[in-house]
């Protein structure tokens, strides 16, 4: 962990399954205290996430009836086999990289 204005790489300790297109990153520690208000801020301009798409081999379905909202992971074996063949033959066009602007939630 560095306090520099440059690209820093962080490896996740295990694979992550992202549902709905959102990746939440928890930032620990305080980096810089703002003189104007005395509050601490962590500054980031962009986040890059690299991974493989799970669709169409997998898809997520959400059920809405209250109070038992559920999430189901559906599996398509034919698409999964096709995706694995593409990866093993070096034709993995599902690898994606995204440079995303950071959005803050408080």
C-alpha atoms as a PDB file:
ATOM      1  CA  UNK A   1       0.000   0.000   0.000  1.00  0.00           C
ATOM      2  CA  UNK A   2       1.509   3.302  -1.114  1.00  0.00           C
ATOM      3  CA  UNK A   3       0.561   6.941  -0.794  1.00  0.00           C
ATOM      4  CA  UNK A   4       1.554   7.957  -4.309  1.00  0.00           C
ATOM      5  CA  UNK A   5      -0.286   9.310  -7.322  1.00  0.00           C
ATOM      6  CA  UNK A   6       0.461   6.356  -9.609  1.00  0.00           C
ATOM      7  CA  UNK A   7      -0.983   3.043 -10.748  1.00  0.00           C
ATOM      8  CA  UNK A   8      -1.202   0.574  -7.875  1.00  0.00           C
ATOM      9  CA  UNK A   9      -2.173  -3.074  -8.300  1.00  0.00           C
ATOM     10  CA  UNK A  10      -4.137  -5.011  -5.714  1.00  0.00           C
ATOM     11  CA  UNK A  11      -4.780  -8.722  -6.128  1.00  0.00           C
ATOM     12  CA  UNK A  12      -7.952 -10.121  -4.653  1.00  0.00           C
ATOM     13  CA  UNK A  13      -7.315 -13.019  -2.263  1.00  0.00           C
ATOM     14  CA  UNK A  14      -9.853 -15.177  -4.104  1.00  0.00           C
ATOM     15  CA  UNK A  15     -12.043 -15.012  -7.227  1.00  0.00           C
ATOM     16  CA  UNK A  16     -15.040 -12.695  -6.962  1.00  0.00           C
ATOM     17  CA  UNK A  17     -18.480 -13.177  -8.491  1.00  0.00           C
ATOM     18  CA  UNK A  18     -19.960  -9.834  -9.554  1.00  0.00           C
ATOM     19  CA  UNK A  19     -23.762  -9.653  -9.923  1.00  0.00           C
ATOM     20  CA  UNK A  20     -25.485  -6.721 -11.574  1.00  0.00           C
ATOM     21  CA  UNK A  21     -22.370  -4.989 -12.863  1.00  0.00           C
ATOM     22  CA  UNK A  22     -21.295  -3.373  -9.589  1.00  0.00           C
ATOM     23  CA  UNK A  23     -17.973  -3.947  -7.877  1.00  0.00           C
ATOM     24  CA  UNK A  24     -17.699  -2.535  -4.373  1.00  0.00           C
ATOM     25  CA  UNK A  25     -14.225  -1.745  -3.100  1.00  0.00           C
ATOM     26  CA  UNK A  26     -13.686  -1.054   0.582  1.00  0.00           C
ATOM     27  CA  UNK A  27     -10.821   1.340   1.228  1.00  0.00           C
ATOM     28  CA  UNK A  28      -9.129   0.980   4.587  1.00  0.00           C
ATOM     29  CA  UNK A  29      -7.034   3.650   6.274  1.00  0.00           C
ATOM     30  CA  UNK A  30      -6.817   7.412   5.989  1.00  0.00           C
ATOM     31  CA  UNK A  31      -4.448   8.921   3.462  1.00  0.00           C
ATOM     32  CA  UNK A  32      -4.748  12.706   3.448  1.00  0.00           C
ATOM     33  CA  UNK A  33      -6.232  15.292   5.795  1.00  0.00           C
ATOM     34  CA  UNK A  34      -7.850  18.243   4.037  1.00  0.00           C
ATOM     35  CA  UNK A  35      -6.781  21.558   5.561  1.00  0.00           C
ATOM     36  CA  UNK A  36     -10.080  23.301   4.722  1.00  0.00           C
ATOM     37  CA  UNK A  37     -12.323  21.041   6.803  1.00  0.00           C
ATOM     38  CA  UNK A  38      -9.945  18.818   8.786  1.00  0.00           C
ATOM     39  CA  UNK A  39     -11.517  15.667   7.336  1.00  0.00           C
ATOM     40  CA  UNK A  40      -9.594  12.728   5.951  1.00  0.00           C
ATOM     41  CA  UNK A  41      -9.999  11.739   2.307  1.00  0.00           C
ATOM     42  CA  UNK A  42      -8.880   8.873   0.126  1.00  0.00           C
ATOM     43  CA  UNK A  43      -8.511  10.061  -3.462  1.00  0.00           C
ATOM     44  CA  UNK A  44      -8.967   7.846  -6.498  1.00  0.00           C
ATOM     45  CA  UNK A  45      -9.597   8.815 -10.098  1.00  0.00           C
ATOM     46  CA  UNK A  46     -10.216   5.457 -11.798  1.00  0.00           C
ATOM     47  CA  UNK A  47     -10.587   1.774 -10.980  1.00  0.00           C
ATOM     48  CA  UNK A  48      -9.734  -0.974 -13.449  1.00  0.00           C
ATOM     49  CA  UNK A  49     -11.311  -4.417 -13.137  1.00  0.00           C
ATOM     50  CA  UNK A  50     -10.203  -7.345 -15.285  1.00  0.00           C
ATOM     51  CA  UNK A  51     -12.195 -10.539 -15.596  1.00  0.00           C
ATOM     52  CA  UNK A  52     -14.184 -12.944 -17.716  1.00  0.00           C
ATOM     53  CA  UNK A  53     -17.857 -12.679 -18.567  1.00  0.00           C
ATOM     54  CA  UNK A  54     -19.984 -15.485 -17.217  1.00  0.00           C
ATOM     55  CA  UNK A  55     -22.807 -15.037 -19.704  1.00  0.00           C
ATOM     56  CA  UNK A  56     -24.198 -16.809 -21.652  1.00  0.00           C
ATOM     57  CA  UNK A  57     -22.906 -19.873 -19.739  1.00  0.00           C
ATOM     58  CA  UNK A  58     -24.362 -18.435 -16.524  1.00  0.00           C
ATOM     59  CA  UNK A  59     -27.120 -15.917 -15.932  1.00  0.00           C
ATOM     60  CA  UNK A  60     -28.624 -14.434 -12.812  1.00  0.00           C
ATOM     61  CA  UNK A  61     -32.356 -14.188 -12.184  1.00  0.00           C
ATOM     62  CA  UNK A  62     -33.912 -12.054  -9.465  1.00  0.00           C
ATOM     63  CA  UNK A  63     -37.338 -12.810  -8.014  1.00  0.00           C
ATOM     64  CA  UNK A  64     -39.340  -9.890  -6.668  1.00  0.00           C
ATOM     65  CA  UNK A  65     -42.112 -11.257  -4.461  1.00  0.00           C
ATOM     66  CA  UNK A  66     -41.798  -9.822  -0.978  1.00  0.00           C
ATOM     67  CA  UNK A  67     -40.642 -10.742   1.602  1.00  0.00           C
ATOM     68  CA  UNK A  68     -38.521 -13.539   0.116  1.00  0.00           C
ATOM     69  CA  UNK A  69     -36.457 -11.894  -2.612  1.00  0.00           C
ATOM     70  CA  UNK A  70     -34.161 -14.541  -4.055  1.00  0.00           C
ATOM     71  CA  UNK A  71     -31.303 -14.636  -6.532  1.00  0.00           C
ATOM     72  CA  UNK A  72     -30.847 -17.702  -8.739  1.00  0.00           C
ATOM     73  CA  UNK A  73     -27.797 -18.619 -10.803  1.00  0.00           C
ATOM     74  CA  UNK A  74     -28.818 -20.434 -13.990  1.00  0.00           C
ATOM     75  CA  UNK A  75     -26.296 -22.687 -15.760  1.00  0.00           C
ATOM     76  CA  UNK A  76     -26.176 -23.459 -19.505  1.00  0.00           C
ATOM     77  CA  UNK A  77     -23.862 -26.467 -19.956  1.00  0.00           C
ATOM     78  CA  UNK A  78     -23.526 -26.140 -23.754  1.00  0.00           C
ATOM     79  CA  UNK A  79     -22.402 -22.505 -23.525  1.00  0.00           C
ATOM     80  CA  UNK A  80     -20.039 -23.374 -20.676  1.00  0.00           C
ATOM     81  CA  UNK A  81     -18.324 -26.083 -22.763  1.00  0.00           C
ATOM     82  CA  UNK A  82     -18.043 -23.641 -25.687  1.00  0.00           C
ATOM     83  CA  UNK A  83     -16.495 -20.973 -23.442  1.00  0.00           C
ATOM     84  CA  UNK A  84     -13.960 -23.452 -22.014  1.00  0.00           C
ATOM     85  CA  UNK A  85     -12.992 -24.546 -25.534  1.00  0.00           C
ATOM     86  CA  UNK A  86     -12.420 -20.916 -26.536  1.00  0.00           C
ATOM     87  CA  UNK A  87     -10.257 -20.291 -23.486  1.00  0.00           C
ATOM     88  CA  UNK A  88      -8.146 -23.425 -23.986  1.00  0.00           C
ATOM     89  CA  UNK A  89      -7.616 -22.655 -27.693  1.00  0.00           C
ATOM     90  CA  UNK A  90      -6.526 -19.085 -26.949  1.00  0.00           C
ATOM     91  CA  UNK A  91      -9.643 -17.499 -28.460  1.00  0.00           C
ATOM     92  CA  UNK A  92     -10.869 -16.015 -25.209  1.00  0.00           C
ATOM     93  CA  UNK A  93     -12.679 -12.905 -26.366  1.00  0.00           C
ATOM     94  CA  UNK A  94     -14.616 -12.734 -23.127  1.00  0.00           C
ATOM     95  CA  UNK A  95     -11.699 -11.307 -21.153  1.00  0.00           C
ATOM     96  CA  UNK A  96     -12.664  -7.746 -20.458  1.00  0.00           C
ATOM     97  CA  UNK A  97     -10.948  -4.807 -18.904  1.00  0.00           C
ATOM     98  CA  UNK A  98     -12.730  -1.660 -17.899  1.00  0.00           C
ATOM     99  CA  UNK A  99     -11.355   1.667 -16.787  1.00  0.00           C
ATOM    100  CA  UNK A 100     -14.205   3.061 -14.749  1.00  0.00           C
ATOM    101  CA  UNK A 101     -14.693   6.456 -13.143  1.00  0.00           C
ATOM    102  CA  UNK A 102     -15.114   6.190  -9.410  1.00  0.00           C
ATOM    103  CA  UNK A 103     -18.578   6.817  -7.970  1.00  0.00           C
ATOM    104  CA  UNK A 104     -18.879   7.571  -4.277  1.00  0.00           C
ATOM    105  CA  UNK A 105     -21.620   6.432  -1.953  1.00  0.00           C
ATOM    106  CA  UNK A 106     -21.805   7.846   1.555  1.00  0.00           C
END
